[in-house]
Each structure stands twice: as C-alpha cells, then as structure tokens.
Amino acid sequence: MQQFSFEFDPPRPAQPAATPPAAPVAEPSLEAMAQRLEQHPDFRVLRRLVPILDFGPAALPTTARQRVLVLDTETTGLSHPTDRIIELAMLLVEVDTACGLPVGPVACFEGFEDPGMPIPPVAREVTGITDEMVKGHRLDDQQVEAMVSQADLIVAHNAGFDRPFVEARFPCFAGKAWACSFMDIDWKAAGAGSSKLSALANDQGWFYDAHRALVDCHALLHVLAKPVGSGATTGLSQLIAAAARPSFKLRATGSPFESKDKLKGRGYRWDADAKVWACTLASQEQLDAELAWLKAEVYGRRQARLEIEVLDSLVRYSARRGEAADRSL
C-alpha cells in the first residue's frame, strides 16, 4: 500500500477579533489650558490684546454721554519745536458718564507723515518706523479735523508730550479739553507698580506690541474702560472728572538756595529756563496746603510773591500759559 504525501498549509491559530481603533483624545484648547493655569497660584497668564471696535449698547440709552478721543503719536524726537510727527492714531468713542464705560462703535484713524528729514536711529529702534514707510505720506488734515471736531475730551498717556506736537501740526486741537491718563490718575494709590501703559496692561492680564500709535490707543482705551484699583470708577470717569477741575502751576520764586533739597524732596522740579522751582497741583485744596507749607518750611518771615498759573483743560499740557493768579506770602 502506497502512501501519498500532500503538502497543505498547516492550520493557522485562530485570530482574535479585531479591536476597533481608539478614538483620538481631544486636545484641550489653548484657552482651556490658560484657564487651568490661572487656577494655580504659581502661574500668571497674559493674553494678547484684541482691539474692541464696538462696545455695544448702553445699559440705559437715555444716560448722558461724552465723546472721548484717545490719541497717540510717534515722532522723530522729543522736542516739538524741532521734531516732527511721523505717525498719528486716534480712537473716538462715546462714554456713558453714569458708569464711565465706552458704548457703541469705535471710529479709528491711523496715518503716517513724511517728516521731511531722515528718521533718527533712536526713533527707528523704538517705533520700528522707517524712512521707506513714511516716504511721500501726509496726514489727511480734513479727516483729522473732522474727527477732532466731534470730541468733547481728548485723552493721551503723557499728554504733556503729545499735545504740543499735535497742536503745532493741527490748530484744531488747541480749542479742545484735554486730560492725561498718566498724570490725572493716581495709579500708585490704586496699587499699580508702574504708570507705564504696558505695565498697566499687564496688571489687567494682557499684553500688546507697544510703540506703534494705533495699538497704543487700543491698549489705553482697554485700560481706561476698567475700574481703577479696587474702586468702582473707571479710568475714563476719573479723566472726565479731572478735565472739569482746574489745576495750578506754582513757581516758588525767590526761594532761598538752602531750601533746594526740601523743594526737590517735596516734588518740585527745577525750571532751568525760568530759573525757578515749580510744581503742579491738582486742586485748590492742594494749592492752599502747599502755600502754607512754603510759608512754614521755605520762606519763613521772608516776603515772597509766588507765581501761580490757573490751568484748565483747554491749556493744561499745552505749550501755552494759563491765567496768572499770583499770591503774596
């Protein structure tokens, strides 16, 4: 009997049932991760500024409003008689005076101007604006004047710098009320470590690319739309109130030389042109208190006639002088 061999594939072991692929694990969003980090005491989250172009309707449509124009300039240098504006940005928004919040749409303006001179290296480094960017450009006078004409109050962060520059270029700014978000708000008393705009933004939890005019305006509007410190009033409310009050520039004329350290420690600054120590006071009460201090600590029995300028919001922070109101001690 003959056996035949047949070559068959050996039987394969039984295969387990196929396992369906695992569903992909959803990655948490960046915002979710940021919110989780915020819950931990060892982390602090900063978000990039997103400009708001419409603040929506007012809570009560019948409340009084003021139109506030937020302004910033970039220039070739620090001296308004010799330097020039190379960029101007403005935001115009209505503010509900009952709560100090912006309402409705935000009108925007931004433009370059050729200064007719090379932009100095320091200005290029700070602003990032080059000669090529401004070449042949000119700010539109009609657009600027039309926007300024609608404003009840103009606000800048360091108005003592911006106001003389824009008044030299556009006379329409001279007839407007101004307030300074750097000087007219006591940020130190509000708990801020610095009055720099970028630091105030960081305190509120966001950052931005500073030293370009338009984004600086949006950053300032964001800061001023929030309550100052732990108080209930917004920065916009405080500036509207500050614009309605006079301030006073006091020059300690004829002060004895030996009092210079006292005056400097008190916050006076030396005016090299007028050769006098001077300070600015925010209210009549502060002026009266300062005159009493000068009488007791500086002049004593000496006779003195002090120079006082009354500064309302139409001249404050400009290169123009206020109304004279001298006082004898």
Protein backbone atom coordinates (compact mmCIF):
# COMPACT_ATOMS: atom_id res chain seq x y z
CA MET A 1 0.00 0.00 0.00
CA GLN A 2 1.45 3.24 -1.06
CA GLN A 3 1.12 6.46 0.92
CA PHE A 4 0.91 9.76 -0.84
CA SER A 5 2.03 12.98 0.82
CA PHE A 6 0.03 16.09 0.13
CA GLU A 7 1.58 19.44 1.11
CA PHE A 8 -1.08 21.54 2.73
CA ASP A 9 -0.51 24.80 4.66
CA PRO A 10 -0.53 23.98 8.33
CA PRO A 11 -3.62 25.20 10.13
CA ARG A 12 -3.28 28.77 11.46
CA PRO A 13 -4.13 29.63 15.02
CA ALA A 14 -7.42 31.39 15.48
CA GLN A 15 -7.10 35.21 15.19
CA PRO A 16 -8.57 37.36 17.95
CA ALA A 17 -11.39 39.65 16.97
CA ALA A 18 -10.16 42.98 15.59
CA THR A 19 -10.07 45.78 18.15
CA PRO A 20 -11.58 48.99 16.86
CA PRO A 21 -9.12 51.93 16.81
CA ALA A 22 -9.23 54.11 19.87
CA ALA A 23 -10.98 57.41 19.45
CA PRO A 24 -8.48 60.29 19.31
CA VAL A 25 -8.12 62.14 22.58
CA ALA A 26 -9.29 65.72 22.16
CA GLU A 27 -6.54 68.20 22.90
CA PRO A 28 -7.58 70.95 25.31
CA SER A 29 -7.84 74.36 23.71
CA LEU A 30 -5.25 76.99 24.46
CA GLU A 31 -7.89 78.98 26.34
CA ALA A 32 -8.78 75.93 28.44
CA MET A 33 -5.11 75.43 29.29
CA ALA A 34 -4.78 79.12 30.15
CA GLN A 35 -7.81 78.94 32.45
CA ARG A 36 -6.37 75.88 34.17
CA LEU A 37 -3.03 77.60 34.72
CA GLU A 38 -4.82 80.61 36.17
CA GLN A 39 -6.21 78.42 38.94
CA HIS A 40 -2.68 77.63 40.16
CA PRO A 41 -1.02 80.18 42.46
CA ASP A 42 2.39 79.70 40.82
CA PHE A 43 1.26 80.85 37.37
CA ARG A 44 0.01 84.08 35.87
CA VAL A 45 -1.47 84.22 32.38
CA LEU A 46 -1.23 87.16 29.98
CA ARG A 47 -3.42 87.26 26.89
CA ARG A 48 -2.72 89.26 23.74
CA LEU A 49 -4.81 92.42 23.37
CA VAL A 50 -7.71 92.06 20.95
CA PRO A 51 -8.94 95.53 19.92
CA ILE A 52 -12.64 96.18 20.53
CA LEU A 53 -14.29 98.04 17.66
CA ASP A 54 -17.81 98.09 19.12
CA PHE A 55 -18.62 98.15 22.83
CA GLY A 56 -22.32 97.53 22.30
CA PRO A 57 -25.33 99.49 23.50
CA ALA A 58 -25.50 101.37 26.78
CA ALA A 59 -27.38 99.79 29.68
CA LEU A 60 -29.67 102.84 29.75
CA PRO A 61 -29.86 104.56 26.36
CA THR A 62 -31.01 107.85 27.88
CA THR A 63 -27.93 108.47 30.05
CA ALA A 64 -25.62 111.39 29.32
CA ARG A 65 -22.57 110.73 27.21
CA GLN A 66 -19.29 112.37 26.30
CA ARG A 67 -17.32 111.70 23.15
CA VAL A 68 -13.75 110.88 24.12
CA LEU A 69 -10.91 110.85 21.62
CA VAL A 70 -7.93 108.67 22.58
CA LEU A 71 -4.76 109.81 20.84
CA ASP A 72 -1.14 108.72 20.40
CA THR A 73 1.75 109.98 18.29
CA GLU A 74 5.10 108.65 17.17
CA THR A 75 7.67 111.34 16.44
CA THR A 76 11.24 111.86 15.29
CA GLY A 77 12.25 113.05 18.77
CA LEU A 78 11.20 114.73 21.98
CA SER A 79 11.20 118.44 21.07
CA HIS A 80 8.01 119.70 19.47
CA PRO A 81 9.62 122.89 18.05
CA THR A 82 12.23 120.92 16.08
CA ASP A 83 10.95 117.34 15.76
CA ARG A 84 8.02 116.09 13.69
CA ILE A 85 5.13 113.65 13.89
CA ILE A 86 5.67 110.52 11.82
CA GLU A 87 2.54 108.61 12.89
CA LEU A 88 -0.79 109.66 14.38
CA ALA A 89 -3.57 107.39 15.61
CA MET A 90 -6.93 108.27 17.17
CA LEU A 91 -9.95 106.40 18.51
CA LEU A 92 -13.27 108.20 19.00
CA VAL A 93 -15.85 106.57 21.27
CA GLU A 94 -18.86 107.62 23.32
CA VAL A 95 -18.64 107.19 27.09
CA ASP A 96 -21.63 106.70 29.35
CA THR A 97 -20.90 109.30 32.04
CA ALA A 98 -23.10 107.49 34.59
CA CYS A 99 -20.85 104.41 34.67
CA GLY A 100 -17.73 105.53 32.83
CA LEU A 101 -17.94 102.75 30.24
CA PRO A 102 -17.46 103.14 26.48
CA VAL A 103 -20.51 102.35 24.37
CA GLY A 104 -21.19 101.81 20.69
CA PRO A 105 -18.79 101.70 17.74
CA VAL A 106 -15.21 102.98 17.83
CA ALA A 107 -14.11 105.27 15.00
CA CYS A 108 -10.44 104.77 14.07
CA PHE A 109 -7.83 106.88 12.35
CA GLU A 110 -4.21 106.00 11.62
CA GLY A 111 -1.73 107.59 9.26
CA PHE A 112 1.93 108.26 8.51
CA GLU A 113 3.57 111.57 7.70
CA ASP A 114 6.87 112.14 5.97
CA PRO A 115 8.81 114.44 8.32
CA GLY A 116 10.99 115.82 5.51
CA MET A 117 14.08 114.55 7.34
CA PRO A 118 15.68 111.16 8.00
CA ILE A 119 14.14 109.41 10.99
CA PRO A 120 16.83 109.30 13.70
CA PRO A 121 18.13 105.83 14.63
CA VAL A 122 16.71 106.05 18.17
CA ALA A 123 13.21 106.75 16.83
CA ARG A 124 13.51 103.90 14.32
CA GLU A 125 14.57 101.48 17.04
CA VAL A 126 11.74 102.47 19.40
CA THR A 127 8.91 102.61 16.86
CA GLY A 128 10.03 100.31 14.06
CA ILE A 129 9.02 103.05 11.60
CA THR A 130 11.47 103.52 8.74
CA ASP A 131 12.03 106.25 6.15
CA GLU A 132 10.56 103.96 3.49
CA MET A 133 7.32 103.54 5.46
CA VAL A 134 6.64 107.29 5.67
CA LYS A 135 8.09 108.41 2.35
CA GLY A 136 5.59 110.56 0.46
CA HIS A 137 2.86 110.21 3.10
CA ARG A 138 0.93 113.09 4.64
CA LEU A 139 -1.72 113.01 7.34
CA ASP A 140 -5.15 113.88 5.99
CA ASP A 141 -5.97 117.28 7.51
CA GLN A 142 -9.68 117.06 6.74
CA GLN A 143 -10.07 113.61 8.33
CA VAL A 144 -8.16 114.67 11.43
CA GLU A 145 -10.14 117.90 11.82
CA ALA A 146 -13.46 116.12 11.26
CA MET A 147 -12.74 113.58 13.99
CA VAL A 148 -11.38 116.18 16.44
CA SER A 149 -14.44 118.39 15.91
CA GLN A 150 -16.65 115.62 17.31
CA ALA A 151 -14.66 115.16 20.53
CA ASP A 152 -15.68 116.57 23.92
CA LEU A 153 -12.43 115.43 25.55
CA ILE A 154 -9.04 114.33 24.22
CA VAL A 155 -7.02 111.81 26.22
CA ALA A 156 -3.38 110.79 25.84
CA HIS A 157 -1.00 108.80 28.04
CA ASN A 158 1.51 111.61 28.63
CA ALA A 159 -0.47 114.47 27.14
CA GLY A 160 2.36 116.86 28.00
CA PHE A 161 4.28 115.22 25.16
CA ASP A 162 1.54 114.60 22.59
CA ARG A 163 -0.45 117.84 22.91
CA PRO A 164 2.29 120.31 21.86
CA PHE A 165 3.14 118.12 18.85
CA VAL A 166 -0.42 117.84 17.51
CA GLU A 167 -1.25 121.50 18.24
CA ALA A 168 1.81 122.56 16.24
CA ARG A 169 0.60 120.46 13.30
CA PHE A 170 -3.20 120.83 13.63
CA PRO A 171 -4.51 124.06 15.24
CA CYS A 172 -7.92 122.43 15.79
CA PHE A 173 -6.53 120.61 18.84
CA ALA A 174 -5.93 123.89 20.72
CA GLY A 175 -9.62 124.54 21.36
CA LYS A 176 -10.33 121.16 22.95
CA ALA A 177 -10.35 119.97 26.54
CA TRP A 178 -7.54 117.54 27.36
CA ALA A 179 -6.78 115.04 30.11
CA CYS A 180 -3.70 112.92 30.75
CA SER A 181 -4.10 109.29 31.76
CA PHE A 182 -0.53 109.30 33.08
CA MET A 183 -0.79 112.39 35.31
CA ASP A 184 -4.50 112.75 36.11
CA ILE A 185 -4.95 109.28 37.64
CA ASP A 186 -3.13 108.30 40.85
CA TRP A 187 -2.00 104.87 39.70
CA LYS A 188 0.31 104.42 42.69
CA ALA A 189 -2.57 104.91 45.12
CA ALA A 190 -4.54 102.40 43.04
CA GLY A 191 -1.85 99.78 43.69
CA ALA A 192 -0.07 99.87 40.33
CA GLY A 193 3.65 99.24 40.42
CA SER A 194 4.21 101.48 37.41
CA SER A 195 2.29 104.09 35.42
CA LYS A 196 3.71 102.87 32.11
CA LEU A 197 0.93 101.81 29.78
CA SER A 198 2.45 98.38 29.10
CA ALA A 199 2.69 97.73 32.87
CA LEU A 200 -0.92 98.83 33.45
CA ALA A 201 -1.98 96.44 30.67
CA ASN A 202 -0.01 93.59 32.28
CA ASP A 203 -1.72 94.33 35.60
CA GLN A 204 -5.06 93.70 33.86
CA GLY A 205 -3.84 90.40 32.38
CA TRP A 206 -2.89 91.11 28.80
CA PHE A 207 -0.01 92.33 26.64
CA TYR A 208 0.49 94.03 23.27
CA ASP A 209 3.26 95.12 20.92
CA ALA A 210 3.93 98.65 22.16
CA HIS A 211 5.29 101.78 20.46
CA ARG A 212 3.02 101.89 17.46
CA ALA A 213 0.35 104.55 17.67
CA LEU A 214 -2.84 102.61 16.89
CA VAL A 215 -2.22 99.62 19.16
CA ASP A 216 -1.16 102.01 21.94
CA CYS A 217 -4.54 103.76 21.57
CA HIS A 218 -6.43 100.46 21.80
CA ALA A 219 -4.36 99.46 24.84
CA LEU A 220 -5.10 102.76 26.57
CA LEU A 221 -8.83 102.51 25.89
CA HIS A 222 -8.83 98.98 27.34
CA VAL A 223 -7.04 100.15 30.50
CA LEU A 224 -9.31 103.17 30.99
CA ALA A 225 -12.51 101.15 30.50
CA LYS A 226 -11.75 99.18 33.69
CA PRO A 227 -12.17 100.28 37.32
CA VAL A 228 -9.06 101.89 38.76
CA GLY A 229 -7.64 99.76 41.56
CA SER A 230 -10.29 98.39 43.89
CA GLY A 231 -12.59 101.36 43.31
CA ALA A 232 -15.79 101.43 41.34
CA THR A 233 -14.93 104.28 38.96
CA THR A 234 -13.26 103.63 35.63
CA GLY A 235 -10.24 105.48 34.34
CA LEU A 236 -12.49 107.22 31.82
CA SER A 237 -14.70 108.50 34.66
CA GLN A 238 -11.69 109.85 36.52
CA LEU A 239 -10.37 111.66 33.46
CA ILE A 240 -13.74 113.24 32.68
CA ALA A 241 -13.86 114.50 36.27
CA ALA A 242 -10.25 115.72 36.15
CA ALA A 243 -10.93 117.71 32.99
CA ALA A 244 -13.72 119.59 34.74
CA ARG A 245 -11.41 120.82 37.54
CA PRO A 246 -8.71 123.47 37.32
CA SER A 247 -5.16 122.66 38.34
CA PHE A 248 -2.41 125.05 39.35
CA LYS A 249 1.23 125.50 38.42
CA LEU A 250 3.10 127.02 41.34
CA ARG A 251 6.54 128.61 40.96
CA ALA A 252 8.47 129.14 44.17
CA THR A 253 10.04 132.42 43.03
CA GLY A 254 12.82 133.82 45.18
CA SER A 255 13.13 130.66 47.28
CA PRO A 256 16.39 130.60 49.28
CA PHE A 257 19.15 128.42 47.86
CA GLU A 258 19.39 126.33 51.01
CA SER A 259 15.79 125.17 50.54
CA LYS A 260 16.51 123.35 47.24
CA ASP A 261 16.70 119.90 48.83
CA LYS A 262 13.39 120.42 50.64
CA LEU A 263 11.73 121.56 47.43
CA LYS A 264 13.15 118.67 45.42
CA GLY A 265 12.06 116.21 48.09
CA ARG A 266 8.59 117.75 48.02
CA GLY A 267 8.27 117.03 44.29
CA TYR A 268 9.26 120.39 42.81
CA ARG A 269 11.20 120.41 39.54
CA TRP A 270 13.85 122.89 38.52
CA ASP A 271 12.84 125.00 35.52
CA ALA A 272 16.22 125.85 34.01
CA ASP A 273 14.80 128.45 31.60
CA ALA A 274 12.92 130.40 34.27
CA LYS A 275 15.47 129.51 36.97
CA VAL A 276 12.80 128.58 39.49
CA TRP A 277 11.48 125.53 41.34
CA ALA A 278 7.94 124.65 40.25
CA CYS A 279 5.24 122.06 40.84
CA THR A 280 1.72 121.32 39.59
CA LEU A 281 -1.19 120.88 41.99
CA ALA A 282 -4.45 119.17 41.15
CA SER A 283 -6.90 121.19 43.28
CA GLN A 284 -7.47 124.41 45.20
CA GLU A 285 -7.16 122.46 48.45
CA GLN A 286 -3.73 121.18 47.44
CA LEU A 287 -2.67 124.69 46.43
CA ASP A 288 -3.73 126.16 49.80
CA ALA A 289 -1.89 123.39 51.65
CA GLU A 290 1.23 123.95 49.55
CA LEU A 291 1.24 127.68 50.20
CA ALA A 292 1.03 127.01 53.93
CA TRP A 293 3.96 124.55 53.68
CA LEU A 294 6.07 127.05 51.74
CA LYS A 295 5.38 129.74 54.33
CA ALA A 296 6.38 127.45 57.18
CA GLU A 297 9.27 125.47 55.66
CA VAL A 298 10.82 127.62 52.93
CA TYR A 299 10.17 131.35 53.26
CA GLY A 300 9.54 131.81 56.97
CA ARG A 301 9.48 135.53 57.69
CA ARG A 302 10.65 136.45 54.20
CA GLN A 303 8.28 138.32 51.95
CA ALA A 304 7.58 136.49 48.68
CA ARG A 305 5.32 136.86 45.70
CA LEU A 306 4.70 133.47 44.16
CA GLU A 307 3.74 132.91 40.53
CA ILE A 308 0.62 130.80 40.07
CA GLU A 309 -0.95 129.72 36.79
CA VAL A 310 -4.54 128.52 36.72
CA LEU A 311 -4.66 125.65 34.23
CA ASP A 312 -7.99 124.50 32.88
CA SER A 313 -8.33 121.59 30.46
CA LEU A 314 -8.13 123.96 27.46
CA VAL A 315 -4.48 124.85 28.19
CA ARG A 316 -3.30 122.10 30.52
CA TYR A 317 -0.46 120.05 28.96
CA SER A 318 -0.10 122.53 26.09
CA ALA A 319 2.84 124.84 25.48
CA ARG A 320 0.56 127.80 26.26
CA ARG A 321 0.41 129.51 29.65
CA GLY A 322 -2.64 129.57 31.88
CA GLU A 323 -4.26 132.51 33.62
CA ALA A 324 -1.97 134.27 36.10
CA ALA A 325 -3.09 134.37 39.75
CA ASP A 326 -0.06 135.36 41.82
CA ARG A 327 -0.08 135.15 45.63
CA SER A 328 1.93 137.04 48.26
CA LEU A 329 3.28 135.34 51.39
